[in-house]
Amino acid sequence: MADQDPVFQIQRVYLKEASLEQPNSPAILLEQETPSVDIQLAVGAMPVGENVYEVAVTATVQTKIADKTVFLVEAKQAGIFEIRNLPEEQMGPIMGIACPQIVYPYLRGNVADLIQRAGFPPVHLAEINFQAMYEQQQVETAGAPSGSLPQ
């Protein structure tokens, strides 16, 4: 009966994509004004094999002074998870809440490190309540199957 036991295992966590742009350097670096910071997050999930899924959290951090970009960082941190023998109604919350909670701390560290290595003070991404984020997505995509997440 052990073959029917629920399985949730992390296979790997990895930085899938990272980019940094400073389109207005070096002139913008001489500005004295404090830049505005805009942070966007997204979660995506997709199957990559039988009972194996990739869950990715993407962060976009853009700082601007007036209408000029100081820097733009985009990073996607992903994890590969083996998930089997779970009821279908639990798959959405597992991939939309539990998996992102595992991946996100790695993303936070990578984004802060990338920004700091570019010569800027690190931008620390705030802690995220992935349950509230998932529930909001479910309300916005009412009628979508519970096991799917927007890409």
N, C-alpha and C. Protein backbone atom coordinates (compact mmCIF):
# COMPACT_ATOMS: atom_id res chain seq x y z
N MET A 1 0.82 -1.20 0.00
CA MET A 1 0.00 0.00 0.00
C MET A 1 0.87 1.26 0.00
N ALA A 2 2.19 1.11 0.16
CA ALA A 2 3.09 2.26 0.21
C ALA A 2 3.09 3.03 -1.11
N ASP A 3 2.74 2.36 -2.22
CA ASP A 3 2.72 3.04 -3.52
C ASP A 3 1.60 4.08 -3.59
N GLN A 4 0.64 4.02 -2.70
CA GLN A 4 -0.48 4.97 -2.71
C GLN A 4 -0.28 6.12 -1.73
N ASP A 5 0.82 6.10 -0.98
CA ASP A 5 1.09 7.18 -0.03
C ASP A 5 1.36 8.47 -0.80
N PRO A 6 0.90 9.62 -0.28
CA PRO A 6 1.19 10.89 -0.94
C PRO A 6 2.70 11.17 -0.93
N VAL A 7 3.18 11.73 -2.04
CA VAL A 7 4.60 12.07 -2.17
C VAL A 7 4.71 13.54 -2.56
N PHE A 8 5.56 14.26 -1.83
CA PHE A 8 5.89 15.65 -2.16
C PHE A 8 7.38 15.81 -1.88
N GLN A 9 8.17 15.86 -2.94
CA GLN A 9 9.62 15.94 -2.78
C GLN A 9 10.19 17.02 -3.69
N ILE A 10 11.16 17.73 -3.14
CA ILE A 10 11.89 18.72 -3.94
C ILE A 10 13.00 17.97 -4.66
N GLN A 11 13.02 18.08 -5.99
CA GLN A 11 14.09 17.45 -6.76
C GLN A 11 15.26 18.41 -6.93
N ARG A 12 14.94 19.70 -7.16
CA ARG A 12 15.98 20.69 -7.41
C ARG A 12 15.39 22.09 -7.34
N VAL A 13 16.19 23.04 -6.86
CA VAL A 13 15.84 24.46 -6.90
C VAL A 13 16.97 25.14 -7.66
N TYR A 14 16.61 25.99 -8.64
CA TYR A 14 17.65 26.59 -9.49
C TYR A 14 17.22 27.95 -10.00
N LEU A 15 18.23 28.77 -10.33
CA LEU A 15 17.99 30.07 -10.94
C LEU A 15 17.84 29.82 -12.43
N LYS A 16 16.63 30.02 -12.94
CA LYS A 16 16.35 29.72 -14.34
C LYS A 16 16.74 30.87 -15.27
N GLU A 17 16.48 32.10 -14.86
CA GLU A 17 16.81 33.27 -15.68
C GLU A 17 17.17 34.42 -14.75
N ALA A 18 18.09 35.26 -15.22
CA ALA A 18 18.41 36.50 -14.50
C ALA A 18 18.95 37.50 -15.50
N SER A 19 18.47 38.74 -15.41
CA SER A 19 19.00 39.79 -16.27
C SER A 19 19.03 41.10 -15.49
N LEU A 20 20.00 41.93 -15.86
CA LEU A 20 20.15 43.24 -15.26
C LEU A 20 20.43 44.23 -16.37
N GLU A 21 19.69 45.32 -16.36
CA GLU A 21 19.91 46.38 -17.36
C GLU A 21 20.09 47.70 -16.63
N GLN A 22 21.06 48.48 -17.10
CA GLN A 22 21.28 49.85 -16.62
C GLN A 22 21.32 50.75 -17.86
N PRO A 23 20.19 50.98 -18.50
CA PRO A 23 20.20 51.65 -19.81
C PRO A 23 20.66 53.11 -19.77
N ASN A 24 20.61 53.76 -18.63
CA ASN A 24 20.97 55.17 -18.57
C ASN A 24 22.26 55.44 -17.79
N SER A 25 23.04 54.39 -17.56
CA SER A 25 24.33 54.55 -16.87
C SER A 25 25.36 55.02 -17.88
N PRO A 26 26.31 55.80 -17.50
CA PRO A 26 26.62 56.24 -16.15
C PRO A 26 25.93 57.53 -15.72
N ALA A 27 25.31 58.27 -16.64
CA ALA A 27 24.75 59.59 -16.31
C ALA A 27 23.75 59.53 -15.16
N ILE A 28 22.89 58.51 -15.15
CA ILE A 28 21.84 58.42 -14.12
C ILE A 28 22.44 58.22 -12.73
N LEU A 29 23.66 57.66 -12.68
CA LEU A 29 24.30 57.39 -11.39
C LEU A 29 24.73 58.68 -10.69
N LEU A 30 24.79 59.77 -11.42
CA LEU A 30 25.18 61.05 -10.84
C LEU A 30 23.99 61.81 -10.27
N GLU A 31 22.78 61.32 -10.52
CA GLU A 31 21.57 61.96 -10.00
C GLU A 31 21.53 61.84 -8.48
N GLN A 32 21.02 62.89 -7.82
CA GLN A 32 20.93 62.90 -6.36
C GLN A 32 19.54 62.48 -5.86
N GLU A 33 18.57 62.47 -6.75
CA GLU A 33 17.20 62.15 -6.38
C GLU A 33 17.07 60.67 -6.00
N THR A 34 16.21 60.38 -5.04
CA THR A 34 15.95 59.00 -4.65
C THR A 34 15.04 58.35 -5.69
N PRO A 35 15.45 57.19 -6.21
CA PRO A 35 14.63 56.55 -7.25
C PRO A 35 13.37 55.91 -6.67
N SER A 36 12.35 55.78 -7.51
CA SER A 36 11.16 55.01 -7.14
C SER A 36 11.46 53.54 -7.46
N VAL A 37 10.86 52.64 -6.71
CA VAL A 37 11.09 51.21 -6.90
C VAL A 37 9.75 50.53 -7.15
N ASP A 38 9.67 49.76 -8.24
CA ASP A 38 8.47 49.01 -8.57
C ASP A 38 8.85 47.53 -8.61
N ILE A 39 8.13 46.71 -7.85
CA ILE A 39 8.41 45.27 -7.79
C ILE A 39 7.16 44.51 -8.20
N GLN A 40 7.32 43.61 -9.16
CA GLN A 40 6.23 42.76 -9.64
C GLN A 40 6.63 41.29 -9.42
N LEU A 41 5.69 40.48 -8.97
CA LEU A 41 5.93 39.05 -8.78
C LEU A 41 4.89 38.24 -9.55
N ALA A 42 5.32 37.07 -10.02
CA ALA A 42 4.41 36.15 -10.70
C ALA A 42 4.81 34.72 -10.36
N VAL A 43 3.82 33.85 -10.34
CA VAL A 43 4.05 32.42 -10.08
C VAL A 43 3.50 31.65 -11.27
N GLY A 44 4.27 30.66 -11.72
CA GLY A 44 3.83 29.80 -12.81
C GLY A 44 4.17 28.35 -12.50
N ALA A 45 3.39 27.44 -13.01
CA ALA A 45 3.63 26.02 -12.80
C ALA A 45 3.30 25.26 -14.08
N MET A 46 4.11 24.23 -14.33
CA MET A 46 3.83 23.39 -15.50
C MET A 46 4.38 21.98 -15.27
N PRO A 47 3.72 20.98 -15.83
CA PRO A 47 4.24 19.63 -15.72
C PRO A 47 5.48 19.46 -16.60
N VAL A 48 6.46 18.70 -16.12
CA VAL A 48 7.65 18.41 -16.91
C VAL A 48 7.87 16.91 -17.09
N GLY A 49 7.02 16.13 -16.49
CA GLY A 49 7.08 14.68 -16.60
C GLY A 49 5.93 14.10 -15.81
N GLU A 50 5.88 12.78 -15.76
CA GLU A 50 4.82 12.14 -15.00
C GLU A 50 5.04 12.40 -13.51
N ASN A 51 4.09 13.07 -12.89
CA ASN A 51 4.14 13.43 -11.47
C ASN A 51 5.30 14.35 -11.11
N VAL A 52 5.86 15.04 -12.10
CA VAL A 52 6.97 15.97 -11.87
C VAL A 52 6.57 17.33 -12.45
N TYR A 53 6.76 18.38 -11.64
CA TYR A 53 6.31 19.71 -12.02
C TYR A 53 7.41 20.73 -11.77
N GLU A 54 7.43 21.75 -12.64
CA GLU A 54 8.30 22.89 -12.40
C GLU A 54 7.41 24.03 -11.91
N VAL A 55 7.81 24.63 -10.80
CA VAL A 55 7.12 25.80 -10.27
C VAL A 55 8.14 26.93 -10.24
N ALA A 56 7.79 28.07 -10.83
CA ALA A 56 8.72 29.19 -10.92
C ALA A 56 8.10 30.45 -10.34
N VAL A 57 8.94 31.23 -9.67
CA VAL A 57 8.54 32.54 -9.17
C VAL A 57 9.42 33.55 -9.88
N THR A 58 8.78 34.54 -10.50
CA THR A 58 9.50 35.57 -11.26
C THR A 58 9.35 36.91 -10.55
N ALA A 59 10.46 37.61 -10.43
CA ALA A 59 10.45 38.96 -9.86
C ALA A 59 10.99 39.94 -10.89
N THR A 60 10.33 41.08 -11.00
CA THR A 60 10.81 42.18 -11.84
C THR A 60 10.94 43.39 -10.92
N VAL A 61 12.16 43.92 -10.84
CA VAL A 61 12.43 45.08 -9.99
C VAL A 61 12.92 46.19 -10.90
N GLN A 62 12.18 47.30 -10.91
CA GLN A 62 12.57 48.44 -11.74
C GLN A 62 12.66 49.68 -10.87
N THR A 63 13.79 50.36 -10.96
CA THR A 63 13.94 51.63 -10.27
C THR A 63 14.05 52.73 -11.30
N LYS A 64 13.41 53.87 -10.99
CA LYS A 64 13.39 55.00 -11.93
C LYS A 64 13.61 56.31 -11.18
N ILE A 65 14.23 57.23 -11.86
CA ILE A 65 14.27 58.62 -11.43
C ILE A 65 13.57 59.38 -12.55
N ALA A 66 12.46 60.03 -12.17
CA ALA A 66 11.56 60.66 -13.15
C ALA A 66 11.11 59.57 -14.12
N ASP A 67 11.38 59.73 -15.42
CA ASP A 67 10.96 58.72 -16.39
C ASP A 67 12.13 57.89 -16.89
N LYS A 68 13.30 58.01 -16.24
CA LYS A 68 14.49 57.28 -16.69
C LYS A 68 14.77 56.10 -15.77
N THR A 69 15.02 54.94 -16.36
CA THR A 69 15.32 53.74 -15.60
C THR A 69 16.73 53.80 -15.04
N VAL A 70 16.84 53.55 -13.73
CA VAL A 70 18.16 53.43 -13.10
C VAL A 70 18.65 52.01 -13.35
N PHE A 71 17.84 51.03 -12.94
CA PHE A 71 18.14 49.64 -13.29
C PHE A 71 16.85 48.83 -13.35
N LEU A 72 16.94 47.75 -14.10
CA LEU A 72 15.83 46.81 -14.24
C LEU A 72 16.41 45.41 -14.05
N VAL A 73 15.87 44.69 -13.08
CA VAL A 73 16.29 43.32 -12.83
C VAL A 73 15.09 42.40 -13.01
N GLU A 74 15.28 41.34 -13.77
CA GLU A 74 14.28 40.29 -13.91
C GLU A 74 14.95 38.98 -13.56
N ALA A 75 14.32 38.25 -12.66
CA ALA A 75 14.89 36.96 -12.25
C ALA A 75 13.76 35.95 -12.09
N LYS A 76 14.06 34.72 -12.50
CA LYS A 76 13.09 33.62 -12.37
C LYS A 76 13.79 32.48 -11.63
N GLN A 77 13.27 32.16 -10.47
CA GLN A 77 13.77 31.06 -9.65
C GLN A 77 12.77 29.93 -9.78
N ALA A 78 13.25 28.74 -10.02
CA ALA A 78 12.35 27.61 -10.23
C ALA A 78 12.73 26.42 -9.36
N GLY A 79 11.78 25.54 -9.22
CA GLY A 79 12.01 24.30 -8.51
C GLY A 79 11.32 23.17 -9.25
N ILE A 80 11.92 22.01 -9.16
CA ILE A 80 11.31 20.80 -9.72
C ILE A 80 10.82 19.97 -8.54
N PHE A 81 9.55 19.61 -8.59
CA PHE A 81 8.92 18.91 -7.49
C PHE A 81 8.27 17.62 -7.98
N GLU A 82 8.45 16.55 -7.22
CA GLU A 82 7.73 15.30 -7.48
C GLU A 82 6.51 15.31 -6.58
N ILE A 83 5.34 15.24 -7.22
CA ILE A 83 4.08 15.28 -6.48
C ILE A 83 3.20 14.16 -7.02
N ARG A 84 2.86 13.20 -6.16
CA ARG A 84 1.95 12.15 -6.62
C ARG A 84 1.07 11.65 -5.48
N ASN A 85 0.00 11.02 -5.91
CA ASN A 85 -0.99 10.44 -4.99
C ASN A 85 -1.64 11.49 -4.10
N LEU A 86 -1.83 12.68 -4.66
CA LEU A 86 -2.57 13.73 -3.95
C LEU A 86 -3.90 13.93 -4.66
N PRO A 87 -4.95 14.23 -3.90
CA PRO A 87 -6.23 14.52 -4.55
C PRO A 87 -6.09 15.72 -5.47
N GLU A 88 -6.79 15.71 -6.59
CA GLU A 88 -6.69 16.77 -7.60
C GLU A 88 -6.96 18.15 -7.01
N GLU A 89 -7.90 18.24 -6.06
CA GLU A 89 -8.24 19.55 -5.48
C GLU A 89 -7.10 20.13 -4.63
N GLN A 90 -6.12 19.30 -4.26
CA GLN A 90 -4.97 19.79 -3.50
C GLN A 90 -3.81 20.23 -4.39
N MET A 91 -3.83 19.87 -5.66
CA MET A 91 -2.71 20.19 -6.55
C MET A 91 -2.53 21.69 -6.75
N GLY A 92 -3.62 22.43 -6.95
CA GLY A 92 -3.52 23.88 -7.13
C GLY A 92 -2.88 24.56 -5.94
N PRO A 93 -3.39 24.32 -4.72
CA PRO A 93 -2.75 24.93 -3.55
C PRO A 93 -1.30 24.49 -3.33
N ILE A 94 -0.99 23.24 -3.62
CA ILE A 94 0.40 22.78 -3.45
C ILE A 94 1.30 23.56 -4.41
N MET A 95 0.91 23.67 -5.68
CA MET A 95 1.76 24.34 -6.67
C MET A 95 1.65 25.86 -6.60
N GLY A 96 0.58 26.38 -6.03
CA GLY A 96 0.41 27.82 -5.95
C GLY A 96 0.81 28.43 -4.61
N ILE A 97 0.95 27.58 -3.59
CA ILE A 97 1.29 28.10 -2.25
C ILE A 97 2.56 27.42 -1.72
N ALA A 98 2.52 26.09 -1.56
CA ALA A 98 3.64 25.38 -0.92
C ALA A 98 4.93 25.47 -1.72
N CYS A 99 4.86 25.20 -3.02
CA CYS A 99 6.07 25.22 -3.84
C CYS A 99 6.68 26.63 -3.93
N PRO A 100 5.87 27.67 -4.21
CA PRO A 100 6.47 29.02 -4.24
C PRO A 100 7.11 29.43 -2.91
N GLN A 101 6.53 28.97 -1.78
CA GLN A 101 7.11 29.29 -0.48
C GLN A 101 8.51 28.68 -0.33
N ILE A 102 8.76 27.58 -0.98
CA ILE A 102 10.08 26.93 -0.93
C ILE A 102 11.05 27.66 -1.85
N VAL A 103 10.60 28.05 -3.04
CA VAL A 103 11.46 28.66 -4.05
C VAL A 103 11.78 30.13 -3.75
N TYR A 104 10.84 30.86 -3.19
CA TYR A 104 10.95 32.30 -3.04
C TYR A 104 12.17 32.78 -2.25
N PRO A 105 12.55 32.16 -1.14
CA PRO A 105 13.74 32.65 -0.43
C PRO A 105 15.01 32.64 -1.29
N TYR A 106 15.14 31.69 -2.17
CA TYR A 106 16.28 31.65 -3.09
C TYR A 106 16.22 32.83 -4.05
N LEU A 107 15.02 33.13 -4.55
CA LEU A 107 14.83 34.26 -5.45
C LEU A 107 15.20 35.57 -4.74
N ARG A 108 14.73 35.74 -3.51
CA ARG A 108 15.05 36.94 -2.75
C ARG A 108 16.55 37.15 -2.64
N GLY A 109 17.27 36.10 -2.30
CA GLY A 109 18.72 36.19 -2.16
C GLY A 109 19.41 36.51 -3.47
N ASN A 110 18.97 35.87 -4.54
CA ASN A 110 19.59 36.10 -5.85
C ASN A 110 19.34 37.52 -6.36
N VAL A 111 18.14 38.04 -6.16
CA VAL A 111 17.82 39.40 -6.61
C VAL A 111 18.66 40.41 -5.82
N ALA A 112 18.70 40.28 -4.51
CA ALA A 112 19.49 41.21 -3.68
C ALA A 112 20.96 41.15 -4.07
N ASP A 113 21.48 39.95 -4.30
CA ASP A 113 22.89 39.78 -4.66
C ASP A 113 23.19 40.41 -6.03
N LEU A 114 22.33 40.18 -7.00
CA LEU A 114 22.53 40.72 -8.35
C LEU A 114 22.54 42.25 -8.32
N ILE A 115 21.60 42.83 -7.60
CA ILE A 115 21.54 44.29 -7.51
C ILE A 115 22.77 44.85 -6.80
N GLN A 116 23.18 44.20 -5.73
CA GLN A 116 24.36 44.66 -4.99
C GLN A 116 25.63 44.52 -5.83
N ARG A 117 25.76 43.45 -6.58
CA ARG A 117 26.93 43.25 -7.44
C ARG A 117 26.97 44.27 -8.58
N ALA A 118 25.82 44.85 -8.91
CA ALA A 118 25.76 45.88 -9.95
C ALA A 118 26.18 47.24 -9.40
N GLY A 119 26.44 47.31 -8.09
CA GLY A 119 26.91 48.55 -7.49
C GLY A 119 25.84 49.37 -6.80
N PHE A 120 24.68 48.79 -6.59
CA PHE A 120 23.57 49.49 -5.93
C PHE A 120 23.33 48.90 -4.56
N PRO A 121 22.69 49.65 -3.67
CA PRO A 121 22.28 49.05 -2.40
C PRO A 121 21.28 47.93 -2.71
N PRO A 122 21.35 46.82 -1.99
CA PRO A 122 20.45 45.70 -2.32
C PRO A 122 18.99 46.09 -2.08
N VAL A 123 18.13 45.56 -2.93
CA VAL A 123 16.69 45.69 -2.75
C VAL A 123 16.23 44.35 -2.18
N HIS A 124 15.69 44.39 -0.99
CA HIS A 124 15.23 43.15 -0.34
C HIS A 124 13.74 42.97 -0.60
N LEU A 125 13.40 41.92 -1.31
CA LEU A 125 12.00 41.62 -1.57
C LEU A 125 11.32 41.25 -0.25
N ALA A 126 10.13 41.76 -0.05
CA ALA A 126 9.38 41.50 1.19
C ALA A 126 8.92 40.05 1.23
N GLU A 127 8.62 39.59 2.43
CA GLU A 127 8.00 38.28 2.58
C GLU A 127 6.64 38.33 1.88
N ILE A 128 6.25 37.22 1.28
CA ILE A 128 5.00 37.16 0.52
C ILE A 128 4.08 36.12 1.14
N ASN A 129 2.81 36.46 1.24
CA ASN A 129 1.79 35.52 1.68
C ASN A 129 1.26 34.84 0.41
N PHE A 130 1.86 33.70 0.05
CA PHE A 130 1.46 33.03 -1.18
C PHE A 130 0.05 32.48 -1.12
N GLN A 131 -0.46 32.22 0.08
CA GLN A 131 -1.84 31.75 0.19
C GLN A 131 -2.79 32.87 -0.24
N ALA A 132 -2.56 34.09 0.25
CA ALA A 132 -3.42 35.21 -0.15
C ALA A 132 -3.27 35.49 -1.65
N MET A 133 -2.05 35.40 -2.17
CA MET A 133 -1.81 35.62 -3.59
C MET A 133 -2.55 34.57 -4.43
N TYR A 134 -2.48 33.31 -4.00
CA TYR A 134 -3.16 32.22 -4.70
C TYR A 134 -4.67 32.41 -4.68
N GLU A 135 -5.20 32.77 -3.50
CA GLU A 135 -6.65 32.95 -3.38
C GLU A 135 -7.12 34.11 -4.26
N GLN A 136 -6.32 35.17 -4.33
CA GLN A 136 -6.67 36.31 -5.21
C GLN A 136 -6.68 35.87 -6.67
N GLN A 137 -5.69 35.06 -7.07
CA GLN A 137 -5.65 34.56 -8.45
C GLN A 137 -6.87 33.70 -8.74
N GLN A 138 -7.30 32.92 -7.76
CA GLN A 138 -8.46 32.05 -7.96
C GLN A 138 -9.72 32.88 -8.17
N VAL A 139 -9.85 33.98 -7.43
CA VAL A 139 -11.00 34.87 -7.59
C VAL A 139 -10.96 35.51 -8.98
N GLU A 140 -9.76 35.96 -9.39
CA GLU A 140 -9.62 36.63 -10.69
C GLU A 140 -9.84 35.68 -11.86
N THR A 141 -9.49 34.41 -11.68
CA THR A 141 -9.64 33.44 -12.77
C THR A 141 -10.77 32.46 -12.45
N ALA A 142 -11.83 32.96 -11.83
CA ALA A 142 -12.97 32.10 -11.47
C ALA A 142 -13.43 31.34 -12.71
N GLY A 143 -13.64 30.06 -12.51
CA GLY A 143 -14.05 29.21 -13.62
C GLY A 143 -12.91 28.40 -14.19
N ALA A 144 -11.64 28.76 -13.86
CA ALA A 144 -10.50 27.97 -14.32
C ALA A 144 -10.38 26.74 -13.43
N PRO A 145 -9.87 25.62 -13.95
CA PRO A 145 -9.72 24.43 -13.12
C PRO A 145 -8.78 24.72 -11.95
N SER A 146 -9.09 24.12 -10.79
CA SER A 146 -8.32 24.41 -9.58
C SER A 146 -6.89 23.92 -9.66
N GLY A 147 -6.57 23.02 -10.54
CA GLY A 147 -5.22 22.50 -10.65
C GLY A 147 -4.33 23.31 -11.56
N SER A 148 -4.84 24.41 -12.13
CA SER A 148 -4.02 25.17 -13.06
C SER A 148 -3.67 26.53 -12.49
N LEU A 149 -2.53 27.02 -12.90
CA LEU A 149 -2.08 28.34 -12.50
C LEU A 149 -1.78 29.13 -13.76
N PRO A 150 -2.06 30.41 -13.75
CA PRO A 150 -1.69 31.22 -14.92
C PRO A 150 -0.19 31.25 -15.10
N GLN A 151 0.26 31.29 -16.33
CA GLN A 151 1.70 31.32 -16.61
C GLN A 151 2.22 32.72 -16.58
